[in-house]
N, C-alpha and C. Protein backbone atom coordinates (compact mmCIF):
# COMPACT_ATOMS: atom_id res chain seq x y z
N MET A 1 0.84 -1.21 0.00
CA MET A 1 0.00 0.00 0.00
C MET A 1 0.87 1.25 0.00
N ARG A 2 1.93 1.23 0.84
CA ARG A 2 2.82 2.39 0.90
C ARG A 2 3.53 2.63 -0.43
N SER A 3 3.89 1.53 -1.11
CA SER A 3 4.57 1.67 -2.40
C SER A 3 3.64 2.29 -3.43
N VAL A 4 2.36 1.96 -3.37
CA VAL A 4 1.38 2.54 -4.30
C VAL A 4 1.25 4.04 -4.05
N VAL A 5 1.18 4.42 -2.76
CA VAL A 5 1.09 5.84 -2.40
C VAL A 5 2.34 6.57 -2.86
N ARG A 6 3.51 5.93 -2.65
CA ARG A 6 4.78 6.55 -3.04
C ARG A 6 4.83 6.75 -4.56
N GLN A 7 4.37 5.74 -5.29
CA GLN A 7 4.34 5.85 -6.75
C GLN A 7 3.39 6.97 -7.20
N GLY A 8 2.26 7.08 -6.49
CA GLY A 8 1.30 8.14 -6.80
C GLY A 8 1.91 9.52 -6.60
N LYS A 9 2.65 9.68 -5.51
CA LYS A 9 3.30 10.96 -5.23
C LYS A 9 4.32 11.31 -6.32
N TRP A 10 5.08 10.28 -6.75
CA TRP A 10 6.07 10.51 -7.81
C TRP A 10 5.39 10.89 -9.12
N LEU A 11 4.22 10.28 -9.38
CA LEU A 11 3.47 10.58 -10.59
C LEU A 11 2.98 12.02 -10.59
N VAL A 12 2.44 12.46 -9.44
CA VAL A 12 1.98 13.85 -9.30
C VAL A 12 3.14 14.81 -9.50
N LEU A 13 4.30 14.47 -8.90
CA LEU A 13 5.49 15.31 -9.04
C LEU A 13 5.94 15.39 -10.49
N LEU A 14 5.91 14.25 -11.18
CA LEU A 14 6.32 14.22 -12.58
C LEU A 14 5.39 15.06 -13.44
N ILE A 15 4.09 14.95 -13.20
CA ILE A 15 3.11 15.76 -13.95
C ILE A 15 3.37 17.25 -13.72
N GLY A 16 3.67 17.59 -12.43
CA GLY A 16 3.96 18.98 -12.11
C GLY A 16 5.20 19.48 -12.82
N VAL A 17 6.25 18.66 -12.86
CA VAL A 17 7.50 19.05 -13.52
C VAL A 17 7.27 19.29 -15.01
N ILE A 18 6.39 18.47 -15.61
CA ILE A 18 6.12 18.60 -17.05
C ILE A 18 5.22 19.79 -17.35
N THR A 19 4.16 19.97 -16.52
CA THR A 19 3.14 20.96 -16.87
C THR A 19 3.44 22.38 -16.40
N LEU A 20 4.14 22.53 -15.27
CA LEU A 20 4.39 23.88 -14.76
C LEU A 20 5.16 24.76 -15.74
N PRO A 21 6.24 24.26 -16.38
CA PRO A 21 6.92 25.11 -17.37
C PRO A 21 6.01 25.50 -18.53
N TRP A 22 5.10 24.58 -18.92
CA TRP A 22 4.19 24.91 -20.02
C TRP A 22 3.25 26.04 -19.62
N PHE A 23 2.73 26.01 -18.38
CA PHE A 23 1.83 27.08 -17.93
C PHE A 23 2.56 28.42 -17.89
N GLY A 24 3.83 28.40 -17.48
CA GLY A 24 4.62 29.63 -17.52
C GLY A 24 4.79 30.12 -18.95
N PHE A 25 5.03 29.19 -19.87
CA PHE A 25 5.15 29.50 -21.30
C PHE A 25 3.85 30.10 -21.81
N ALA A 26 2.71 29.53 -21.38
CA ALA A 26 1.39 30.00 -21.83
C ALA A 26 1.12 31.43 -21.36
N ILE A 27 1.64 31.78 -20.18
CA ILE A 27 1.45 33.14 -19.65
C ILE A 27 2.33 34.14 -20.40
N LEU A 28 3.60 33.75 -20.64
CA LEU A 28 4.55 34.66 -21.27
C LEU A 28 4.36 34.76 -22.78
N ALA A 29 3.99 33.66 -23.42
CA ALA A 29 3.84 33.63 -24.88
C ALA A 29 2.62 32.77 -25.22
N PRO A 30 1.42 33.30 -25.00
CA PRO A 30 0.22 32.47 -25.13
C PRO A 30 -0.02 31.91 -26.54
N VAL A 31 0.25 32.71 -27.58
CA VAL A 31 -0.02 32.21 -28.94
C VAL A 31 0.83 30.98 -29.26
N PRO A 32 2.19 31.05 -29.15
CA PRO A 32 2.96 29.84 -29.44
C PRO A 32 2.66 28.68 -28.51
N ALA A 33 2.33 28.99 -27.25
CA ALA A 33 2.03 27.91 -26.30
C ALA A 33 0.77 27.15 -26.73
N TRP A 34 -0.28 27.88 -27.10
CA TRP A 34 -1.51 27.20 -27.51
C TRP A 34 -1.39 26.62 -28.90
N GLN A 35 -0.53 27.21 -29.75
CA GLN A 35 -0.27 26.58 -31.05
C GLN A 35 0.39 25.22 -30.85
N LEU A 36 1.29 25.14 -29.88
CA LEU A 36 1.93 23.86 -29.55
C LEU A 36 0.89 22.86 -29.05
N ALA A 37 0.01 23.33 -28.16
CA ALA A 37 -1.03 22.44 -27.62
C ALA A 37 -1.94 21.93 -28.73
N VAL A 38 -2.31 22.82 -29.65
CA VAL A 38 -3.18 22.43 -30.77
C VAL A 38 -2.48 21.46 -31.71
N SER A 39 -1.16 21.66 -31.92
CA SER A 39 -0.42 20.74 -32.79
C SER A 39 -0.37 19.33 -32.20
N LEU A 40 -0.39 19.24 -30.87
CA LEU A 40 -0.36 17.94 -30.19
C LEU A 40 -1.75 17.30 -30.12
N ALA A 41 -2.78 18.15 -30.08
CA ALA A 41 -4.16 17.63 -30.00
C ALA A 41 -5.05 18.49 -30.89
N PRO A 42 -4.94 18.34 -32.22
CA PRO A 42 -5.64 19.23 -33.15
C PRO A 42 -7.16 19.15 -33.09
N ARG A 43 -7.72 18.08 -32.53
CA ARG A 43 -9.17 17.95 -32.47
C ARG A 43 -9.72 18.27 -31.07
N ASN A 44 -8.89 18.93 -30.28
CA ASN A 44 -9.34 19.36 -28.95
C ASN A 44 -9.98 20.74 -29.07
N ALA A 45 -11.29 20.80 -28.91
CA ALA A 45 -12.03 22.06 -29.09
C ALA A 45 -11.61 23.11 -28.07
N ALA A 46 -11.34 22.69 -26.84
CA ALA A 46 -10.94 23.65 -25.80
C ALA A 46 -9.62 24.31 -26.14
N PHE A 47 -8.67 23.54 -26.69
CA PHE A 47 -7.38 24.11 -27.08
C PHE A 47 -7.56 25.10 -28.22
N GLN A 48 -8.42 24.76 -29.19
CA GLN A 48 -8.69 25.68 -30.30
C GLN A 48 -9.28 26.99 -29.79
N LEU A 49 -10.18 26.87 -28.81
CA LEU A 49 -10.82 28.06 -28.24
C LEU A 49 -9.79 28.95 -27.54
N ARG A 50 -8.90 28.33 -26.75
CA ARG A 50 -7.86 29.10 -26.06
C ARG A 50 -6.91 29.77 -27.07
N LEU A 51 -6.59 29.06 -28.16
CA LEU A 51 -5.72 29.65 -29.19
C LEU A 51 -6.41 30.84 -29.86
N ALA A 52 -7.69 30.71 -30.15
CA ALA A 52 -8.45 31.81 -30.75
C ALA A 52 -8.43 33.04 -29.84
N GLU A 53 -8.64 32.81 -28.55
CA GLU A 53 -8.62 33.93 -27.59
C GLU A 53 -7.24 34.57 -27.53
N ALA A 54 -6.18 33.75 -27.62
CA ALA A 54 -4.81 34.27 -27.60
C ALA A 54 -4.54 35.12 -28.85
N PHE A 55 -4.99 34.64 -30.01
CA PHE A 55 -4.85 35.42 -31.25
C PHE A 55 -5.57 36.77 -31.10
N GLU A 56 -6.78 36.73 -30.54
CA GLU A 56 -7.58 37.96 -30.43
C GLU A 56 -6.95 38.96 -29.46
N ARG A 57 -6.44 38.47 -28.32
CA ARG A 57 -5.77 39.37 -27.38
C ARG A 57 -4.54 40.01 -28.00
N GLU A 58 -3.80 39.22 -28.78
CA GLU A 58 -2.61 39.77 -29.42
C GLU A 58 -3.00 40.80 -30.48
N ALA A 59 -4.09 40.56 -31.18
CA ALA A 59 -4.59 41.53 -32.16
C ALA A 59 -4.95 42.84 -31.47
N ASP A 60 -5.60 42.75 -30.30
CA ASP A 60 -5.95 43.96 -29.55
C ASP A 60 -4.70 44.73 -29.12
N SER A 61 -3.65 43.99 -28.73
CA SER A 61 -2.43 44.66 -28.27
C SER A 61 -1.67 45.33 -29.42
N LEU A 62 -1.97 44.91 -30.65
CA LEU A 62 -1.30 45.47 -31.83
C LEU A 62 -2.26 46.32 -32.66
N ALA A 63 -3.26 46.91 -31.99
CA ALA A 63 -4.29 47.68 -32.70
C ALA A 63 -3.70 48.82 -33.52
N GLY A 64 -2.56 49.37 -33.09
CA GLY A 64 -1.93 50.46 -33.83
C GLY A 64 -1.27 50.02 -35.11
N PHE A 65 -1.08 48.72 -35.29
CA PHE A 65 -0.47 48.16 -36.50
C PHE A 65 -1.57 47.44 -37.27
N HIS A 66 -2.23 48.16 -38.14
CA HIS A 66 -3.48 47.70 -38.75
C HIS A 66 -3.36 46.34 -39.42
N ASP A 67 -2.37 46.17 -40.29
CA ASP A 67 -2.26 44.93 -41.06
C ASP A 67 -1.98 43.72 -40.16
N LEU A 68 -1.09 43.90 -39.18
CA LEU A 68 -0.78 42.81 -38.25
C LEU A 68 -2.01 42.43 -37.43
N ALA A 69 -2.70 43.46 -36.92
CA ALA A 69 -3.90 43.21 -36.11
C ALA A 69 -4.99 42.53 -36.93
N LEU A 70 -5.14 42.95 -38.18
CA LEU A 70 -6.17 42.37 -39.05
C LEU A 70 -5.86 40.90 -39.33
N ASP A 71 -4.58 40.59 -39.56
CA ASP A 71 -4.18 39.21 -39.82
C ASP A 71 -4.44 38.33 -38.60
N LEU A 72 -4.12 38.83 -37.41
CA LEU A 72 -4.36 38.07 -36.18
C LEU A 72 -5.85 37.90 -35.92
N ASN A 73 -6.63 38.93 -36.23
CA ASN A 73 -8.08 38.85 -36.06
C ASN A 73 -8.67 37.79 -37.00
N PHE A 74 -8.13 37.73 -38.22
CA PHE A 74 -8.56 36.72 -39.19
C PHE A 74 -8.24 35.32 -38.68
N LYS A 75 -7.03 35.15 -38.13
CA LYS A 75 -6.65 33.85 -37.56
C LYS A 75 -7.54 33.49 -36.37
N ALA A 76 -7.84 34.48 -35.54
CA ALA A 76 -8.72 34.23 -34.39
C ALA A 76 -10.10 33.78 -34.86
N HIS A 77 -10.62 34.45 -35.87
CA HIS A 77 -11.94 34.13 -36.39
C HIS A 77 -11.99 32.69 -36.91
N ASN A 78 -10.99 32.32 -37.71
CA ASN A 78 -10.96 30.96 -38.26
C ASN A 78 -10.79 29.91 -37.16
N THR A 79 -10.03 30.26 -36.11
CA THR A 79 -9.81 29.30 -35.03
C THR A 79 -11.06 29.14 -34.17
N TYR A 80 -11.80 30.24 -33.94
CA TYR A 80 -13.10 30.12 -33.26
C TYR A 80 -14.02 29.19 -34.07
N ARG A 81 -13.98 29.33 -35.39
CA ARG A 81 -14.80 28.49 -36.26
C ARG A 81 -14.40 27.01 -36.13
N LYS A 82 -13.10 26.76 -36.04
CA LYS A 82 -12.63 25.39 -35.86
C LYS A 82 -13.13 24.83 -34.54
N ALA A 83 -13.06 25.65 -33.48
CA ALA A 83 -13.55 25.21 -32.17
C ALA A 83 -15.03 24.85 -32.25
N LEU A 84 -15.80 25.67 -32.97
CA LEU A 84 -17.23 25.40 -33.13
C LEU A 84 -17.44 24.09 -33.88
N ASP A 85 -16.69 23.88 -34.96
CA ASP A 85 -16.81 22.64 -35.74
C ASP A 85 -16.47 21.41 -34.91
N LEU A 86 -15.59 21.60 -33.92
CA LEU A 86 -15.18 20.47 -33.07
C LEU A 86 -16.10 20.27 -31.87
N GLY A 87 -17.18 21.08 -31.80
CA GLY A 87 -18.17 20.85 -30.76
C GLY A 87 -18.24 21.89 -29.65
N SER A 88 -17.42 22.95 -29.75
CA SER A 88 -17.47 23.99 -28.71
C SER A 88 -18.56 25.00 -29.07
N ASN A 89 -19.80 24.61 -28.84
CA ASN A 89 -20.94 25.47 -29.22
C ASN A 89 -21.46 26.27 -28.03
N SER A 90 -20.54 26.85 -27.27
CA SER A 90 -20.91 27.66 -26.11
C SER A 90 -21.19 29.10 -26.53
N ALA A 91 -21.79 29.84 -25.62
CA ALA A 91 -22.05 31.26 -25.88
C ALA A 91 -20.74 32.01 -26.12
N GLU A 92 -19.68 31.63 -25.39
CA GLU A 92 -18.39 32.30 -25.52
C GLU A 92 -17.79 32.08 -26.91
N THR A 93 -18.02 30.89 -27.49
CA THR A 93 -17.51 30.61 -28.84
C THR A 93 -18.22 31.48 -29.86
N TYR A 94 -19.55 31.56 -29.77
CA TYR A 94 -20.30 32.41 -30.69
C TYR A 94 -19.97 33.89 -30.49
N LEU A 95 -19.72 34.27 -29.24
CA LEU A 95 -19.30 35.65 -28.97
C LEU A 95 -17.98 35.95 -29.67
N GLY A 96 -17.02 35.02 -29.58
CA GLY A 96 -15.74 35.21 -30.24
C GLY A 96 -15.88 35.31 -31.75
N ILE A 97 -16.72 34.45 -32.32
CA ILE A 97 -16.96 34.50 -33.77
C ILE A 97 -17.57 35.85 -34.15
N GLY A 98 -18.57 36.29 -33.38
CA GLY A 98 -19.23 37.56 -33.68
C GLY A 98 -18.30 38.75 -33.54
N ARG A 99 -17.52 38.74 -32.48
CA ARG A 99 -16.59 39.85 -32.21
C ARG A 99 -15.53 39.97 -33.31
N THR A 100 -14.96 38.83 -33.71
CA THR A 100 -13.92 38.87 -34.74
C THR A 100 -14.52 39.15 -36.12
N ALA A 101 -15.73 38.65 -36.36
CA ALA A 101 -16.40 38.95 -37.63
C ALA A 101 -16.63 40.46 -37.76
N LEU A 102 -17.01 41.08 -36.64
CA LEU A 102 -17.20 42.53 -36.63
C LEU A 102 -15.90 43.25 -36.96
N GLY A 103 -14.79 42.77 -36.37
CA GLY A 103 -13.49 43.37 -36.66
C GLY A 103 -13.07 43.21 -38.10
N LEU A 104 -13.58 42.16 -38.76
CA LEU A 104 -13.26 41.92 -40.17
C LEU A 104 -14.25 42.59 -41.13
N GLY A 105 -15.24 43.27 -40.55
CA GLY A 105 -16.24 43.95 -41.38
C GLY A 105 -17.36 43.06 -41.87
N GLU A 106 -17.45 41.83 -41.35
CA GLU A 106 -18.51 40.90 -41.74
C GLU A 106 -19.72 41.12 -40.82
N ILE A 107 -20.49 42.17 -41.11
CA ILE A 107 -21.52 42.62 -40.18
C ILE A 107 -22.66 41.60 -40.04
N GLY A 108 -23.10 41.04 -41.17
CA GLY A 108 -24.18 40.06 -41.11
C GLY A 108 -23.82 38.85 -40.28
N GLU A 109 -22.61 38.33 -40.47
CA GLU A 109 -22.16 37.18 -39.69
C GLU A 109 -22.02 37.55 -38.22
N ALA A 110 -21.54 38.77 -37.96
CA ALA A 110 -21.39 39.22 -36.57
C ALA A 110 -22.74 39.24 -35.86
N ILE A 111 -23.74 39.82 -36.52
CA ILE A 111 -25.07 39.92 -35.90
C ILE A 111 -25.66 38.54 -35.65
N GLU A 112 -25.54 37.65 -36.63
CA GLU A 112 -26.08 36.30 -36.49
C GLU A 112 -25.40 35.55 -35.34
N SER A 113 -24.07 35.64 -35.25
CA SER A 113 -23.34 34.92 -34.21
C SER A 113 -23.62 35.49 -32.83
N LEU A 114 -23.69 36.81 -32.73
CA LEU A 114 -23.94 37.44 -31.43
C LEU A 114 -25.36 37.16 -30.94
N ARG A 115 -26.31 37.13 -31.86
CA ARG A 115 -27.67 36.75 -31.48
C ARG A 115 -27.70 35.31 -30.95
N HIS A 116 -26.94 34.45 -31.62
CA HIS A 116 -26.88 33.05 -31.18
C HIS A 116 -26.28 32.96 -29.78
N ALA A 117 -25.24 33.75 -29.54
CA ALA A 117 -24.63 33.77 -28.20
C ALA A 117 -25.66 34.17 -27.15
N LEU A 118 -26.49 35.16 -27.48
CA LEU A 118 -27.48 35.65 -26.53
C LEU A 118 -28.64 34.67 -26.34
N GLN A 119 -28.90 33.85 -27.34
CA GLN A 119 -29.90 32.79 -27.16
C GLN A 119 -29.41 31.78 -26.13
N LEU A 120 -28.10 31.57 -26.10
CA LEU A 120 -27.53 30.63 -25.13
C LEU A 120 -27.34 31.26 -23.76
N ARG A 121 -27.02 32.56 -23.75
CA ARG A 121 -26.81 33.28 -22.47
C ARG A 121 -27.30 34.71 -22.61
N ALA A 122 -28.52 34.95 -22.18
CA ALA A 122 -29.14 36.26 -22.37
C ALA A 122 -28.47 37.36 -21.54
N ASP A 123 -27.71 36.98 -20.50
CA ASP A 123 -27.09 37.96 -19.62
C ASP A 123 -25.65 38.29 -20.03
N LEU A 124 -25.25 37.88 -21.22
CA LEU A 124 -23.87 38.08 -21.67
C LEU A 124 -23.71 39.52 -22.16
N GLY A 125 -23.23 40.39 -21.26
CA GLY A 125 -23.13 41.81 -21.58
C GLY A 125 -22.24 42.10 -22.77
N ASP A 126 -21.14 41.35 -22.91
CA ASP A 126 -20.24 41.55 -24.05
C ASP A 126 -20.99 41.38 -25.37
N ALA A 127 -21.85 40.35 -25.43
CA ALA A 127 -22.57 40.08 -26.68
C ALA A 127 -23.55 41.21 -26.99
N HIS A 128 -24.22 41.74 -25.98
CA HIS A 128 -25.13 42.88 -26.19
C HIS A 128 -24.34 44.09 -26.72
N TYR A 129 -23.19 44.35 -26.12
CA TYR A 129 -22.39 45.50 -26.52
C TYR A 129 -21.90 45.38 -27.97
N TYR A 130 -21.33 44.24 -28.31
CA TYR A 130 -20.82 44.08 -29.68
C TYR A 130 -21.95 43.98 -30.69
N LEU A 131 -23.10 43.47 -30.26
CA LEU A 131 -24.27 43.48 -31.13
C LEU A 131 -24.70 44.92 -31.42
N GLY A 132 -24.65 45.77 -30.38
CA GLY A 132 -24.94 47.19 -30.59
C GLY A 132 -24.00 47.83 -31.60
N ARG A 133 -22.72 47.51 -31.48
CA ARG A 133 -21.74 48.04 -32.44
C ARG A 133 -22.02 47.55 -33.85
N ALA A 134 -22.40 46.27 -33.96
CA ALA A 134 -22.71 45.72 -35.28
C ALA A 134 -23.93 46.40 -35.89
N TYR A 135 -24.96 46.59 -35.08
CA TYR A 135 -26.16 47.29 -35.57
C TYR A 135 -25.82 48.73 -35.98
N ASN A 136 -24.96 49.36 -35.20
CA ASN A 136 -24.55 50.72 -35.53
C ASN A 136 -23.83 50.77 -36.87
N ARG A 137 -22.95 49.79 -37.11
CA ARG A 137 -22.24 49.71 -38.38
C ARG A 137 -23.22 49.46 -39.54
N GLN A 138 -24.29 48.76 -39.22
CA GLN A 138 -25.32 48.46 -40.22
C GLN A 138 -26.21 49.66 -40.49
N GLY A 139 -26.16 50.66 -39.59
CA GLY A 139 -27.02 51.83 -39.72
C GLY A 139 -28.34 51.70 -39.01
N SER A 140 -28.48 50.67 -38.16
CA SER A 140 -29.73 50.44 -37.42
C SER A 140 -29.58 51.04 -36.02
N SER A 141 -29.80 52.35 -35.92
CA SER A 141 -29.53 53.06 -34.67
C SER A 141 -30.44 52.61 -33.53
N GLU A 142 -31.72 52.38 -33.82
CA GLU A 142 -32.65 51.98 -32.76
C GLU A 142 -32.26 50.62 -32.19
N ALA A 143 -31.91 49.68 -33.07
CA ALA A 143 -31.49 48.35 -32.61
C ALA A 143 -30.19 48.46 -31.81
N ALA A 144 -29.31 49.36 -32.24
CA ALA A 144 -28.04 49.57 -31.52
C ALA A 144 -28.30 50.09 -30.12
N VAL A 145 -29.20 51.07 -30.00
CA VAL A 145 -29.53 51.63 -28.69
C VAL A 145 -30.10 50.56 -27.77
N ASN A 146 -31.00 49.73 -28.29
CA ASN A 146 -31.58 48.66 -27.47
C ASN A 146 -30.51 47.68 -26.98
N ALA A 147 -29.56 47.38 -27.87
CA ALA A 147 -28.49 46.45 -27.49
C ALA A 147 -27.57 47.08 -26.44
N TYR A 148 -27.22 48.35 -26.62
CA TYR A 148 -26.37 49.03 -25.64
C TYR A 148 -27.06 49.11 -24.28
N ARG A 149 -28.36 49.39 -24.28
CA ARG A 149 -29.09 49.45 -23.01
C ARG A 149 -29.16 48.08 -22.34
N ALA A 150 -29.27 47.04 -23.15
CA ALA A 150 -29.24 45.68 -22.60
C ALA A 150 -27.88 45.38 -21.98
N ALA A 151 -26.81 45.89 -22.60
CA ALA A 151 -25.46 45.72 -22.05
C ALA A 151 -25.35 46.43 -20.70
N LEU A 152 -25.93 47.63 -20.60
CA LEU A 152 -25.93 48.36 -19.33
C LEU A 152 -26.72 47.60 -18.27
N SER A 153 -27.86 47.03 -18.66
CA SER A 153 -28.68 46.25 -17.71
C SER A 153 -27.92 45.02 -17.22
N ALA A 154 -27.07 44.47 -18.10
CA ALA A 154 -26.26 43.30 -17.72
C ALA A 154 -25.00 43.70 -16.96
N GLU A 155 -24.90 45.01 -16.66
CA GLU A 155 -23.76 45.56 -15.91
C GLU A 155 -22.43 45.29 -16.62
N PHE A 156 -22.47 45.39 -17.95
CA PHE A 156 -21.25 45.20 -18.74
C PHE A 156 -20.33 46.39 -18.54
N GLN A 157 -19.07 46.12 -18.22
CA GLN A 157 -18.10 47.18 -17.96
C GLN A 157 -17.22 47.40 -19.19
N ASN A 158 -17.46 48.49 -19.89
CA ASN A 158 -16.63 48.85 -21.04
C ASN A 158 -16.61 50.38 -21.13
N SER A 159 -15.42 50.92 -21.24
CA SER A 159 -15.27 52.38 -21.23
C SER A 159 -15.97 53.04 -22.41
N GLU A 160 -16.16 52.30 -23.51
CA GLU A 160 -16.74 52.89 -24.71
C GLU A 160 -18.27 52.82 -24.74
N LEU A 161 -18.88 52.13 -23.79
CA LEU A 161 -20.32 51.86 -23.88
C LEU A 161 -21.15 53.14 -23.91
N HIS A 162 -20.93 54.05 -22.97
CA HIS A 162 -21.73 55.28 -22.94
C HIS A 162 -21.45 56.16 -24.15
N LEU A 163 -20.22 56.15 -24.63
CA LEU A 163 -19.88 56.93 -25.82
C LEU A 163 -20.63 56.38 -27.04
N SER A 164 -20.63 55.07 -27.20
CA SER A 164 -21.33 54.45 -28.33
C SER A 164 -22.83 54.69 -28.23
N LEU A 165 -23.37 54.57 -27.01
CA LEU A 165 -24.80 54.82 -26.80
C LEU A 165 -25.15 56.26 -27.14
N GLY A 166 -24.29 57.19 -26.74
CA GLY A 166 -24.53 58.61 -27.04
C GLY A 166 -24.61 58.87 -28.53
N HIS A 167 -23.69 58.29 -29.28
CA HIS A 167 -23.70 58.48 -30.74
C HIS A 167 -24.98 57.92 -31.37
N SER A 168 -25.39 56.73 -30.93
CA SER A 168 -26.59 56.12 -31.51
C SER A 168 -27.85 56.90 -31.15
N LEU A 169 -27.92 57.37 -29.90
CA LEU A 169 -29.08 58.18 -29.49
C LEU A 169 -29.13 59.48 -30.30
N HIS A 170 -27.97 60.07 -30.54
CA HIS A 170 -27.91 61.31 -31.33
C HIS A 170 -28.37 61.06 -32.75
N GLN A 171 -27.99 59.92 -33.32
CA GLN A 171 -28.41 59.58 -34.68
C GLN A 171 -29.92 59.39 -34.76
N MET A 172 -30.54 58.95 -33.66
CA MET A 172 -31.99 58.77 -33.62
C MET A 172 -32.73 60.08 -33.37
N GLY A 173 -31.99 61.13 -33.02
CA GLY A 173 -32.62 62.42 -32.75
C GLY A 173 -32.96 62.65 -31.29
N HIS A 174 -32.49 61.75 -30.39
CA HIS A 174 -32.74 61.92 -28.96
C HIS A 174 -31.59 62.71 -28.34
N ALA A 175 -31.60 64.02 -28.59
CA ALA A 175 -30.45 64.84 -28.20
C ALA A 175 -30.23 64.88 -26.70
N ASP A 176 -31.32 65.01 -25.93
CA ASP A 176 -31.16 65.10 -24.46
C ASP A 176 -30.58 63.81 -23.88
N LEU A 177 -31.06 62.68 -24.35
CA LEU A 177 -30.54 61.39 -23.87
C LEU A 177 -29.10 61.18 -24.32
N ALA A 178 -28.81 61.63 -25.54
CA ALA A 178 -27.44 61.52 -26.05
C ALA A 178 -26.50 62.35 -25.18
N ALA A 179 -26.92 63.57 -24.84
CA ALA A 179 -26.09 64.44 -24.00
C ALA A 179 -25.83 63.79 -22.65
N GLU A 180 -26.84 63.14 -22.09
CA GLU A 180 -26.67 62.46 -20.80
C GLU A 180 -25.63 61.35 -20.90
N SER A 181 -25.66 60.58 -22.00
CA SER A 181 -24.69 59.51 -22.19
C SER A 181 -23.27 60.05 -22.36
N PHE A 182 -23.15 61.14 -23.13
CA PHE A 182 -21.83 61.74 -23.31
C PHE A 182 -21.29 62.27 -21.97
N ARG A 183 -22.17 62.84 -21.15
CA ARG A 183 -21.74 63.33 -19.83
C ARG A 183 -21.25 62.18 -18.95
N CYS A 184 -21.97 61.03 -19.01
CA CYS A 184 -21.54 59.85 -18.24
C CYS A 184 -20.13 59.43 -18.64
N PHE A 185 -19.88 59.47 -19.94
CA PHE A 185 -18.55 59.08 -20.43
C PHE A 185 -17.50 60.10 -19.98
N LEU A 186 -17.85 61.38 -20.04
CA LEU A 186 -16.89 62.44 -19.69
C LEU A 186 -16.57 62.46 -18.20
N ARG A 187 -17.44 61.94 -17.37
CA ARG A 187 -17.11 61.86 -15.94
C ARG A 187 -15.90 60.96 -15.71
N ARG A 188 -15.77 59.95 -16.54
CA ARG A 188 -14.63 59.03 -16.43
C ARG A 188 -13.45 59.48 -17.29
N PHE A 189 -13.76 60.09 -18.42
CA PHE A 189 -12.69 60.49 -19.36
C PHE A 189 -12.90 61.95 -19.76
N PRO A 190 -12.61 62.87 -18.84
CA PRO A 190 -12.93 64.29 -19.07
C PRO A 190 -12.17 64.92 -20.24
N ARG A 191 -11.09 64.30 -20.69
CA ARG A 191 -10.32 64.89 -21.79
C ARG A 191 -10.69 64.33 -23.16
N SER A 192 -11.71 63.51 -23.25
CA SER A 192 -12.08 62.90 -24.53
C SER A 192 -12.64 63.95 -25.49
N ALA A 193 -11.90 64.22 -26.55
CA ALA A 193 -12.33 65.21 -27.54
C ALA A 193 -13.58 64.73 -28.27
N GLU A 194 -13.66 63.41 -28.53
CA GLU A 194 -14.81 62.86 -29.24
C GLU A 194 -16.09 63.03 -28.43
N ALA A 195 -16.02 62.74 -27.12
CA ALA A 195 -17.20 62.87 -26.27
C ALA A 195 -17.60 64.33 -26.11
N ARG A 196 -16.63 65.23 -25.99
CA ARG A 196 -16.93 66.66 -25.87
C ARG A 196 -17.60 67.17 -27.14
N ALA A 197 -17.10 66.75 -28.30
CA ALA A 197 -17.71 67.16 -29.56
C ALA A 197 -19.13 66.62 -29.67
N GLY A 198 -19.32 65.35 -29.26
CA GLY A 198 -20.66 64.75 -29.29
C GLY A 198 -21.62 65.48 -28.37
N LEU A 199 -21.14 65.85 -27.17
CA LEU A 199 -21.98 66.58 -26.22
C LEU A 199 -22.37 67.95 -26.78
N GLU A 200 -21.42 68.66 -27.37
CA GLU A 200 -21.72 69.97 -27.95
C GLU A 200 -22.76 69.87 -29.05
N GLN A 201 -22.62 68.87 -29.91
CA GLN A 201 -23.59 68.69 -31.00
C GLN A 201 -24.97 68.34 -30.45
N ALA A 202 -25.00 67.48 -29.43
CA ALA A 202 -26.28 67.10 -28.84
C ALA A 202 -26.96 68.30 -28.18
N LEU A 203 -26.18 69.14 -27.48
CA LEU A 203 -26.75 70.32 -26.83
C LEU A 203 -27.26 71.32 -27.86
N LEU A 204 -26.52 71.50 -28.93
CA LEU A 204 -26.96 72.40 -30.00
C LEU A 204 -28.28 71.90 -30.60
N ARG A 205 -28.35 70.62 -30.84
CA ARG A 205 -29.56 70.04 -31.42
C ARG A 205 -30.72 70.16 -30.45
N SER A 206 -30.46 69.97 -29.16
CA SER A 206 -31.50 70.08 -28.15
C SER A 206 -32.06 71.49 -28.06
N ARG A 207 -31.16 72.49 -28.12
CA ARG A 207 -31.60 73.89 -28.06
C ARG A 207 -32.36 74.31 -29.29
N GLY A 208 -32.01 73.69 -30.43
CA GLY A 208 -32.67 74.05 -31.68
C GLY A 208 -34.02 73.40 -31.87
N SER A 209 -34.30 72.34 -31.09
CA SER A 209 -35.57 71.60 -31.27
C SER A 209 -36.70 72.27 -30.49
């Protein structure tokens, strides 16, 4: 019995020796780490999902380099799709597909995927927010406002939410509500030139109506 316990302890130690360096690698260089994991288990949906998320985070960090970020976003989108094909049909997978589709300008696919995510998890604030952005890109201001308000109800934390809501409300002609949203944004980011310009336009429109 003692020998079995001893062997078990050695097995746990061996697993730790093998896996701990990999976790450190995944923290320091997530894309190559998950690419390695996927190469070892290409039909593992969870690994594909983690790789897609790593591609997307790297794309966000390189937002100032348009071509590099676009290429990474494209890779993230395709990898989310692979995860879905392998059975990862969670709300988070559809959210990733919708978010990256939006970044690639595929508005119809973004809206469809984000709606699917919300059918699976109606309280997913991220999906409401990105759905609002997709509707805004489509020119559907009322649908965008409804989605942004749903994101607020879900207590979604994003610095751009009130700014995006303000623009959509202004496009609908709700100047007073737009001004309120711009003020909410300016309380957190008082130096935002975009929010100040939006507030000025909303106030001018309100006074003229």
